[in-house]
Amino acid sequence: MAAPVRKNQDIELYITALGSEGQGIGRYEGYAIFVEGALPGERVAATVIKAGSSYGVGKLRRVITPAKERVAPPCPYFGRCGGCTLQHMSYEAQLAYKTRLVKDALVRIGGFSDPKVLPAIGMGDPWRYRNKAAFPAANTDDGIAFGLFAARSHRVIPIADCLIQKEAGALAMHAVRQWAQECCLPAYDETTGRGAIRHVVVRTSSFGKTMVMVVTTGPLPRLERLVDLLQKQLPGFCSLVHNVNRERTNVITGEKYRVVWGEEALSERLCGLDFSVAAASFLQVNTAQTEILYDKAIEFARLTEDDVVLDLYCGIGTLSLAAARKAKEVIGIEIVPEAIENARGNAAQNGIPNARFLCGAAEEVLPELVRQERLAPGAVILDPPRKGCEAPVLRAIAETGAPRIVYVSCNPATLARDCAILKEAGYELMQTQPVDMFPQTHHVETVVMMSREKNQV
């Protein structure tokens, strides 16, 4: 059936809902149209930019009747940069939206009839929370620049600052830009595969220390000058890492990381524990909310001093070591060698003898571990990448016979899909807690408790 609208047609819409990526959704003669920047309860004027067979996309031209939840976004790049999608919505409304987003995914994708989803836990100050920034480079009329990608593209929007990043991110970005300009280094161009500078990645700890990583296609010229600029312009600068990525890919980093100045790893403190974080290692980007998330995960796991716990996708061992304080033993599994090295060092640094870490793919290591050691874990904790778990991992988890599973996810859709598979394996969804790790965006972190035991809530 043909769409009732055509491309470039100007229309008016009443917005009734928000989509999973924060776009307003309205209907024109029953036909769904997604409009970025529109909010539920608003009447808007839009221009159709896509008219597909099942839905259309409109570009917001004017808000005719604003919703009470609409606020003025403070960032001058909002609407052009793709980093934030919800700055135009009050923070209270953002939290309510994220709670609904998780529940809707569990119902629609997971097939759960009435899942218990607690209200999303928000921040007192939902700005300047990101401890890691990745700024891609671009060539402009004024020379090389750094910024963020426009929504759903790899077109760089040059920026001077980002209001959800720690202040160190912008300071480091400007220092690296000055160095690149002085060295006449061009930005890497994805379309041609030419250029020298790809990204600057900045990671800041709660101690005020900052690690800077420059990703290039070749060597770093005038290294002493780069270090000098960073020392002068970036308080707390403690480490410079060089990563070479020569591949024709949109992946940020290559395989090799080399510390060319300063400390080998960044020091961080979470849940009363000290951690060393290498450049290649994963760490949640919101330190304050991570502690809330991990406390909730430990609460959901209901650990006792007799429990053996398996922590899959354990990273540098942050959640593993927090769990180890309440369990008999924790075994962490992670595929990134640098992260496993950090995890083992972190266990030693914190004097935690009952945590050990194995390097490899979870679907391969877990079944072999259970077979060799005849493990009967009291709980399994997992925090997989955004794509969720492969089916062999979920089968292996179910085959351990663990009575409790705690699943941490940054993607409600893949979380719901995987929870449905675990339900088929005999686990019941007990409760769900969204945690707003990513204010001003449509992303949300969620922790779920699934159990084969009764009376767990």
Protein backbone atom coordinates (compact mmCIF):
# COMPACT_ATOMS: atom_id res chain seq x y z
CA MET A 1 0.00 0.00 0.00
CA ALA A 2 1.34 3.42 -0.93
CA ALA A 3 2.25 5.87 1.81
CA PRO A 4 -0.24 8.73 2.29
CA VAL A 5 2.64 11.23 2.15
CA ARG A 6 5.40 11.94 -0.32
CA LYS A 7 8.98 13.09 0.11
CA ASN A 8 9.36 16.87 0.64
CA GLN A 9 5.70 17.23 1.61
CA ASP A 10 5.00 19.68 4.45
CA ILE A 11 2.63 18.28 7.06
CA GLU A 12 1.34 18.88 10.58
CA LEU A 13 1.43 16.07 13.15
CA TYR A 14 0.28 15.41 16.69
CA ILE A 15 3.04 13.52 18.50
CA THR A 16 1.80 10.67 20.70
CA ALA A 17 4.95 8.76 21.73
CA LEU A 18 8.74 8.56 21.71
CA GLY A 19 10.62 5.88 19.78
CA SER A 20 13.51 3.80 21.09
CA GLU A 21 16.03 6.41 19.88
CA GLY A 22 14.14 9.38 21.30
CA GLN A 23 12.29 10.45 18.13
CA GLY A 24 8.75 11.74 18.39
CA ILE A 25 6.14 9.52 16.73
CA GLY A 26 2.96 10.83 15.17
CA ARG A 27 0.41 9.45 12.70
CA TYR A 28 -0.75 10.94 9.42
CA GLU A 29 -3.91 9.17 8.24
CA GLY A 30 -2.82 6.21 10.40
CA TYR A 31 0.71 6.17 8.93
CA ALA A 32 3.54 6.40 11.49
CA ILE A 33 6.04 9.23 11.04
CA PHE A 34 9.16 9.66 13.18
CA VAL A 35 10.25 13.24 13.89
CA GLU A 36 13.51 13.86 15.73
CA GLY A 37 13.26 16.66 18.26
CA ALA A 38 9.49 16.36 18.77
CA LEU A 39 7.91 15.37 22.09
CA PRO A 40 4.66 13.60 23.02
CA GLY A 41 1.77 15.99 23.39
CA GLU A 42 3.12 18.42 20.79
CA ARG A 43 1.65 19.55 17.53
CA VAL A 44 4.48 20.13 15.06
CA ALA A 45 5.10 21.20 11.50
CA ALA A 46 7.46 18.85 9.66
CA THR A 47 8.74 18.08 6.18
CA VAL A 48 8.72 14.46 5.04
CA ILE A 49 12.28 13.32 4.21
CA LYS A 50 11.47 9.61 3.85
CA ALA A 51 8.24 7.86 2.90
CA GLY A 52 8.70 4.11 3.22
CA SER A 53 6.13 1.36 2.92
CA SER A 54 5.68 0.95 6.68
CA TYR A 55 6.72 4.29 8.17
CA GLY A 56 8.01 7.74 7.30
CA VAL A 57 10.58 10.18 8.68
CA GLY A 58 9.96 13.89 9.06
CA LYS A 59 12.28 16.83 9.71
CA LEU A 60 11.01 19.14 12.44
CA ARG A 61 10.34 22.63 11.14
CA ARG A 62 8.36 24.22 13.94
CA VAL A 63 6.74 23.32 17.25
CA ILE A 64 3.19 24.64 17.02
CA THR A 65 2.08 23.58 20.49
CA PRO A 66 4.93 22.71 22.88
CA ALA A 67 4.69 20.00 25.53
CA LYS A 68 5.06 20.96 29.18
CA GLU A 69 8.15 18.71 29.31
CA ARG A 70 9.99 20.79 26.69
CA VAL A 71 12.99 22.78 27.94
CA ALA A 72 15.60 24.92 26.21
CA PRO A 73 18.69 22.79 25.45
CA PRO A 74 21.80 24.49 26.87
CA CYS A 75 24.25 23.05 24.32
CA PRO A 76 24.82 25.16 21.16
CA TYR A 77 25.46 21.99 19.13
CA PHE A 78 22.22 20.22 20.09
CA GLY A 79 20.31 19.20 16.99
CA ARG A 80 23.47 19.00 14.88
CA CYS A 81 25.72 16.76 16.99
CA GLY A 82 24.46 13.20 17.44
CA GLY A 83 25.79 12.80 20.97
CA CYS A 84 22.65 13.93 22.82
CA THR A 85 19.06 13.32 21.79
CA LEU A 86 17.00 14.45 24.79
CA GLN A 87 18.35 17.83 25.94
CA HIS A 88 15.03 19.38 24.91
CA MET A 89 13.17 17.22 27.47
CA SER A 90 13.05 17.87 31.22
CA TYR A 91 15.16 15.45 33.22
CA GLU A 92 12.15 14.08 35.10
CA ALA A 93 10.52 13.27 31.76
CA GLN A 94 13.73 11.62 30.54
CA LEU A 95 13.69 9.24 33.50
CA ALA A 96 10.03 8.37 32.97
CA TYR A 97 10.73 7.74 29.27
CA LYS A 98 13.63 5.40 30.05
CA THR A 99 11.53 3.43 32.53
CA ARG A 100 8.85 2.96 29.86
CA LEU A 101 11.48 2.10 27.25
CA VAL A 102 12.77 -0.83 29.32
CA LYS A 103 9.30 -2.08 30.20
CA ASP A 104 8.05 -1.81 26.61
CA ALA A 105 11.04 -3.83 25.35
CA LEU A 106 10.45 -6.59 27.89
CA VAL A 107 6.78 -6.77 26.87
CA ARG A 108 7.12 -6.35 23.11
CA ILE A 109 10.39 -8.22 22.46
CA GLY A 110 10.70 -10.43 25.52
CA GLY A 111 7.07 -11.51 25.68
CA PHE A 112 6.74 -10.78 29.41
CA SER A 113 3.16 -9.89 30.29
CA ASP A 114 3.63 -7.56 33.27
CA PRO A 115 7.34 -7.25 34.14
CA LYS A 116 8.23 -5.55 37.40
CA VAL A 117 10.24 -2.50 36.33
CA LEU A 118 11.26 -0.07 39.04
CA PRO A 119 11.51 3.68 38.28
CA ALA A 120 14.81 4.65 36.63
CA ILE A 121 17.41 5.96 39.08
CA GLY A 122 18.64 9.36 37.94
CA MET A 123 21.42 11.82 38.85
CA GLY A 124 21.26 14.88 41.04
CA ASP A 125 23.27 16.79 38.43
CA PRO A 126 22.88 15.17 34.97
CA TRP A 127 25.76 17.07 33.32
CA ARG A 128 29.56 16.68 33.04
CA TYR A 129 29.29 13.01 33.98
CA ARG A 130 31.23 11.20 31.22
CA ASN A 131 34.71 10.10 32.24
CA LYS A 132 35.63 9.10 28.67
CA ALA A 133 35.43 11.09 25.45
CA ALA A 134 36.29 10.05 21.88
CA PHE A 135 36.61 12.97 19.46
CA PRO A 136 37.01 12.16 15.72
CA ALA A 137 39.15 14.42 13.57
CA ALA A 138 38.05 16.28 10.43
CA ASN A 139 39.63 18.58 7.86
CA THR A 140 38.07 22.04 7.70
CA ASP A 141 38.83 25.37 6.04
CA ASP A 142 40.58 26.34 9.29
CA GLY A 143 42.70 23.19 9.35
CA ILE A 144 42.19 20.09 11.42
CA ALA A 145 39.34 20.08 13.94
CA PHE A 146 37.87 17.64 16.44
CA GLY A 147 34.24 17.10 17.29
CA LEU A 148 31.46 14.56 17.38
CA PHE A 149 29.55 12.77 14.64
CA ALA A 150 26.21 14.03 13.43
CA ALA A 151 23.34 11.65 14.12
CA ARG A 152 23.41 8.44 12.04
CA SER A 153 26.44 9.59 10.05
CA HIS A 154 30.21 9.91 10.15
CA ARG A 155 30.11 13.60 9.33
CA VAL A 156 32.09 15.39 12.03
CA ILE A 157 30.54 18.42 13.74
CA PRO A 158 33.48 20.47 15.10
CA ILE A 159 32.90 21.49 18.72
CA ALA A 160 34.63 23.60 21.36
CA ASP A 161 33.17 21.76 24.35
CA CYS A 162 30.71 19.01 25.30
CA LEU A 163 28.46 19.55 28.30
CA ILE A 164 28.12 15.86 29.20
CA GLN A 165 31.89 15.27 29.18
CA LYS A 166 34.30 16.11 31.96
CA GLU A 167 36.00 19.46 31.32
CA ALA A 168 39.31 17.64 30.72
CA GLY A 169 37.98 16.25 27.46
CA ALA A 170 37.76 19.63 25.73
CA LEU A 171 41.08 20.82 27.19
CA ALA A 172 42.88 17.75 25.84
CA MET A 173 41.13 18.04 22.48
CA HIS A 174 42.30 21.65 22.03
CA ALA A 175 45.88 20.83 23.01
CA VAL A 176 46.06 17.96 20.51
CA ARG A 177 44.52 20.17 17.83
CA GLN A 178 47.16 22.84 18.40
CA TRP A 179 49.92 20.22 18.10
CA ALA A 180 48.40 18.76 14.92
CA GLN A 181 48.09 22.23 13.39
CA GLU A 182 51.72 23.03 14.20
CA CYS A 183 52.83 19.75 12.63
CA CYS A 184 50.57 20.31 9.55
CA LEU A 185 48.98 16.89 10.12
CA PRO A 186 45.73 16.29 8.22
CA ALA A 187 42.76 14.40 9.60
CA TYR A 188 42.04 10.90 8.37
CA ASP A 189 39.40 10.78 5.63
CA GLU A 190 37.24 7.64 5.72
CA THR A 191 36.26 8.02 2.07
CA THR A 192 39.82 8.16 0.72
CA GLY A 193 41.70 6.29 3.45
CA ARG A 194 44.23 9.15 3.58
CA GLY A 195 45.30 11.38 6.43
CA ALA A 196 47.19 11.09 9.72
CA ILE A 197 44.99 11.87 12.76
CA ARG A 198 41.91 9.77 13.41
CA HIS A 199 40.77 10.34 17.00
CA VAL A 200 41.75 11.78 20.34
CA VAL A 201 40.38 9.73 23.24
CA VAL A 202 40.37 11.20 26.76
CA ARG A 203 39.72 9.28 29.98
CA THR A 204 39.52 11.06 33.36
CA SER A 205 39.42 9.47 36.82
CA SER A 206 37.57 10.65 39.91
CA PHE A 207 41.01 11.58 41.31
CA GLY A 208 41.33 14.26 38.60
CA LYS A 209 43.98 12.38 36.61
CA THR A 210 43.65 12.24 32.82
CA MET A 211 44.92 9.79 30.20
CA VAL A 212 45.05 11.00 26.59
CA MET A 213 45.21 8.64 23.63
CA VAL A 214 45.96 9.83 20.09
CA VAL A 215 44.92 7.47 17.29
CA THR A 216 46.86 7.92 14.05
CA THR A 217 47.71 6.09 10.85
CA GLY A 218 51.46 6.48 11.48
CA PRO A 219 54.09 7.82 13.89
CA LEU A 220 53.73 10.75 16.27
CA PRO A 221 55.99 13.62 15.15
CA ARG A 222 57.31 16.12 17.69
CA LEU A 223 56.25 14.02 20.66
CA GLU A 224 57.96 16.36 23.13
CA ARG A 225 55.88 19.28 21.87
CA LEU A 226 52.64 17.33 22.29
CA VAL A 227 53.55 16.36 25.84
CA ASP A 228 54.50 19.97 26.61
CA LEU A 229 51.15 21.31 25.37
CA LEU A 230 49.20 18.73 27.33
CA GLN A 231 51.15 19.42 30.50
CA LYS A 232 50.53 23.16 30.19
CA GLN A 233 46.88 23.05 29.16
CA LEU A 234 45.52 19.96 30.94
CA PRO A 235 45.61 19.86 34.76
CA GLY A 236 46.04 16.29 35.97
CA PHE A 237 47.56 15.02 32.72
CA CYS A 238 49.29 11.76 33.66
CA SER A 239 49.56 9.54 30.59
CA LEU A 240 49.88 9.73 26.80
CA VAL A 241 49.02 6.65 24.76
CA HIS A 242 49.63 6.19 21.05
CA ASN A 243 47.40 3.86 19.05
CA VAL A 244 48.03 3.13 15.35
CA ASN A 245 45.05 2.22 13.19
CA ARG A 246 45.80 1.85 9.46
CA GLU A 247 42.68 -0.14 8.62
CA ARG A 248 39.94 1.13 6.29
CA THR A 249 37.34 0.91 9.02
CA ASN A 250 35.21 3.10 11.24
CA VAL A 251 36.46 1.29 14.36
CA ILE A 252 38.24 3.86 16.53
CA THR A 253 41.37 1.98 17.57
CA GLY A 254 43.84 -0.51 16.18
CA GLU A 255 45.13 -3.53 18.08
CA LYS A 256 48.33 -2.06 19.53
CA TYR A 257 48.43 0.46 22.37
CA ARG A 258 51.73 2.03 23.45
CA VAL A 259 52.22 4.33 26.42
CA VAL A 260 54.69 6.96 25.14
CA TRP A 261 54.72 9.19 28.22
CA GLY A 262 53.66 8.89 31.84
CA GLU A 263 51.73 6.23 33.72
CA GLU A 264 50.88 2.84 32.24
CA ALA A 265 47.30 2.90 33.54
CA LEU A 266 44.78 5.26 35.08
CA SER A 267 43.85 4.86 38.75
CA GLU A 268 40.15 4.82 39.64
CA ARG A 269 38.10 4.11 42.75
CA LEU A 270 34.71 2.36 42.63
CA CYS A 271 32.61 0.92 45.44
CA GLY A 272 35.45 1.46 47.91
CA LEU A 273 37.95 -0.44 45.73
CA ASP A 274 40.96 0.79 43.77
CA PHE A 275 41.39 -0.10 40.09
CA SER A 276 44.02 0.32 37.40
CA VAL A 277 42.51 0.99 33.99
CA ALA A 278 44.61 0.49 30.85
CA ALA A 279 43.79 2.33 27.63
CA ALA A 280 42.34 -0.83 26.04
CA SER A 281 40.17 -1.73 29.03
CA PHE A 282 36.44 -1.10 29.41
CA LEU A 283 35.12 1.04 32.23
CA GLN A 284 31.62 2.42 32.61
CA VAL A 285 31.59 6.08 31.53
CA ASN A 286 29.59 7.39 34.50
CA THR A 287 31.47 6.73 37.74
CA ALA A 288 28.78 7.94 40.16
CA GLN A 289 25.99 5.94 38.53
CA THR A 290 28.22 2.88 38.15
CA GLU A 291 28.40 2.59 41.93
CA ILE A 292 24.60 2.68 42.10
CA LEU A 293 24.35 0.12 39.30
CA TYR A 294 26.84 -2.25 40.92
CA ASP A 295 25.21 -1.95 44.34
CA LYS A 296 21.90 -2.90 42.76
CA ALA A 297 23.49 -5.84 40.90
CA ILE A 298 25.01 -7.17 44.14
CA GLU A 299 21.66 -6.72 45.89
CA PHE A 300 19.88 -8.66 43.13
CA ALA A 301 22.47 -11.47 43.27
CA ARG A 302 21.60 -12.15 46.95
CA LEU A 303 25.03 -13.55 47.61
CA THR A 304 26.04 -15.59 50.64
CA GLU A 305 29.49 -16.50 51.93
CA ASP A 306 29.00 -20.01 50.48
CA ASP A 307 28.33 -18.87 46.91
CA VAL A 308 30.64 -19.31 43.95
CA VAL A 309 29.88 -16.56 41.44
CA LEU A 310 30.62 -16.46 37.71
CA ASP A 311 31.09 -12.98 36.23
CA LEU A 312 30.97 -13.04 32.43
CA TYR A 313 32.36 -10.14 30.35
CA CYS A 314 34.07 -9.06 33.58
CA GLY A 315 36.35 -6.39 32.08
CA ILE A 316 38.91 -5.16 34.59
CA GLY A 317 37.09 -6.91 37.44
CA THR A 318 35.13 -4.00 38.90
CA LEU A 319 31.90 -5.91 39.52
CA SER A 320 33.77 -9.17 40.22
CA LEU A 321 35.73 -7.67 43.10
CA ALA A 322 32.65 -5.96 44.55
CA ALA A 323 30.88 -9.34 44.54
CA ALA A 324 33.91 -11.15 45.99
CA ARG A 325 33.47 -9.29 49.28
CA LYS A 326 30.17 -11.13 49.82
CA ALA A 327 30.87 -14.53 48.19
CA LYS A 328 33.06 -17.58 48.68
CA GLU A 329 34.71 -17.14 45.28
CA VAL A 330 34.24 -15.14 42.08
CA ILE A 331 35.49 -16.31 38.69
CA GLY A 332 35.64 -13.62 36.02
CA ILE A 333 35.76 -14.36 32.29
CA GLU A 334 36.82 -11.77 29.68
CA ILE A 335 38.14 -11.98 26.12
CA VAL A 336 40.40 -8.88 26.22
CA PRO A 337 43.88 -9.86 27.51
CA GLU A 338 44.74 -6.35 28.74
CA ALA A 339 41.54 -6.27 30.81
CA ILE A 340 42.32 -9.65 32.39
CA GLU A 341 45.80 -8.42 33.27
CA ASN A 342 44.24 -5.34 34.90
CA ALA A 343 41.67 -7.51 36.72
CA ARG A 344 44.34 -9.75 38.25
CA GLY A 345 46.38 -6.73 39.29
CA ASN A 346 43.28 -5.08 40.76
CA ALA A 347 42.50 -8.16 42.86
CA ALA A 348 46.04 -8.14 44.23
CA GLN A 349 46.01 -4.38 44.79
CA ASN A 350 42.82 -4.60 46.86
CA GLY A 351 43.92 -7.70 48.80
CA ILE A 352 41.08 -9.86 47.46
CA PRO A 353 42.28 -13.48 47.29
CA ASN A 354 38.94 -15.10 46.38
CA ALA A 355 38.68 -13.72 42.82
CA ARG A 356 40.36 -15.27 39.78
CA PHE A 357 40.16 -14.33 36.14
CA LEU A 358 40.21 -16.36 32.93
CA CYS A 359 40.90 -14.99 29.45
CA GLY A 360 38.78 -16.21 26.54
CA ALA A 361 35.36 -16.18 24.91
CA ALA A 362 32.60 -16.87 27.45
CA GLU A 363 30.92 -19.48 25.23
CA GLU A 364 34.18 -21.47 25.12
CA VAL A 365 35.58 -20.95 28.62
CA LEU A 366 32.36 -21.37 30.60
CA PRO A 367 31.35 -24.93 29.52
CA GLU A 368 34.93 -26.17 29.95
CA LEU A 369 35.19 -24.55 33.36
CA VAL A 370 31.97 -26.17 34.57
CA ARG A 371 33.02 -29.57 33.18
CA GLN A 372 36.54 -29.54 34.63
CA GLU A 373 35.72 -28.14 38.05
CA ARG A 374 32.16 -29.43 38.42
CA LEU A 375 31.08 -25.99 39.49
CA ALA A 376 27.68 -25.35 40.97
CA PRO A 377 27.55 -21.52 40.99
CA GLY A 378 25.17 -19.74 43.31
CA ALA A 379 24.82 -16.89 40.83
CA VAL A 380 25.90 -15.78 37.38
CA ILE A 381 26.50 -12.11 36.66
CA LEU A 382 26.90 -10.91 33.09
CA ASP A 383 27.43 -7.53 31.47
CA PRO A 384 27.79 -8.20 27.73
CA PRO A 385 28.39 -5.71 24.90
CA ARG A 386 25.48 -3.80 23.37
CA LYS A 387 24.73 -6.65 20.94
CA GLY A 388 23.90 -8.91 23.88
CA CYS A 389 24.83 -12.56 24.27
CA GLU A 390 25.37 -15.24 21.67
CA ALA A 391 22.98 -18.18 22.08
CA PRO A 392 25.79 -20.59 23.14
CA VAL A 393 26.58 -18.30 26.11
CA LEU A 394 22.98 -18.32 27.29
CA ARG A 395 22.78 -22.09 26.93
CA ALA A 396 26.02 -22.49 28.86
CA ILE A 397 24.71 -20.24 31.65
CA ALA A 398 21.50 -22.25 31.94
CA GLU A 399 23.46 -25.51 31.99
CA THR A 400 25.43 -24.37 35.05
CA GLY A 401 22.23 -24.75 37.05
CA ALA A 402 22.81 -21.41 38.75
CA PRO A 403 19.67 -20.48 40.73
CA ARG A 404 20.12 -16.73 40.11
CA ILE A 405 21.21 -14.68 37.11
CA VAL A 406 21.94 -10.94 37.22
CA TYR A 407 22.05 -9.43 33.74
CA VAL A 408 23.43 -5.90 33.25
CA SER A 409 22.72 -4.32 29.85
CA CYS A 410 22.95 -1.02 27.99
CA ASN A 411 20.46 -2.15 25.31
CA PRO A 412 16.83 -2.85 26.32
CA ALA A 413 16.12 -4.68 23.04
CA THR A 414 18.89 -7.27 23.30
CA LEU A 415 18.30 -7.56 27.05
CA ALA A 416 14.65 -8.43 26.43
CA ARG A 417 15.58 -10.93 23.72
CA ASP A 418 18.10 -12.70 25.95
CA CYS A 419 15.79 -12.71 28.98
CA ALA A 420 13.17 -14.46 26.85
CA ILE A 421 15.71 -17.19 26.04
CA LEU A 422 16.57 -17.57 29.72
CA LYS A 423 12.87 -17.76 30.55
CA GLU A 424 12.57 -20.73 28.17
CA ALA A 425 15.46 -22.32 30.11
CA GLY A 426 13.45 -22.13 33.34
CA TYR A 427 14.30 -18.69 34.76
CA GLU A 428 11.67 -16.24 35.95
CA LEU A 429 12.07 -12.48 35.58
CA MET A 430 11.84 -11.20 39.14
CA GLN A 431 12.60 -7.49 38.94
CA THR A 432 14.24 -4.87 36.77
CA GLN A 433 16.04 -1.66 37.69
CA PRO A 434 16.91 0.95 35.03
CA VAL A 435 19.81 3.23 35.98
CA ASP A 436 20.36 6.43 34.02
CA MET A 437 24.03 6.18 33.13
CA PHE A 438 23.59 8.43 30.09
CA PRO A 439 21.53 11.58 30.88
CA GLN A 440 20.49 13.76 27.93
CA THR A 441 20.57 10.72 25.61
CA HIS A 442 18.10 7.94 24.84
CA HIS A 443 20.46 5.29 26.22
CA VAL A 444 19.79 3.55 29.54
CA GLU A 445 21.58 0.92 31.62
CA THR A 446 19.48 -1.81 33.19
CA VAL A 447 20.04 -4.56 35.73
CA VAL A 448 17.69 -7.56 35.78
CA MET A 449 17.30 -10.36 38.31
CA MET A 450 16.21 -13.75 37.00
CA SER A 451 15.72 -16.73 39.28
CA ARG A 452 14.80 -20.40 39.43
CA GLU A 453 14.01 -19.95 43.11
CA LYS A 454 10.67 -18.95 44.56
CA ASN A 455 9.96 -16.05 46.90
CA GLN A 456 12.95 -13.98 45.76
CA VAL A 457 11.28 -10.56 45.81
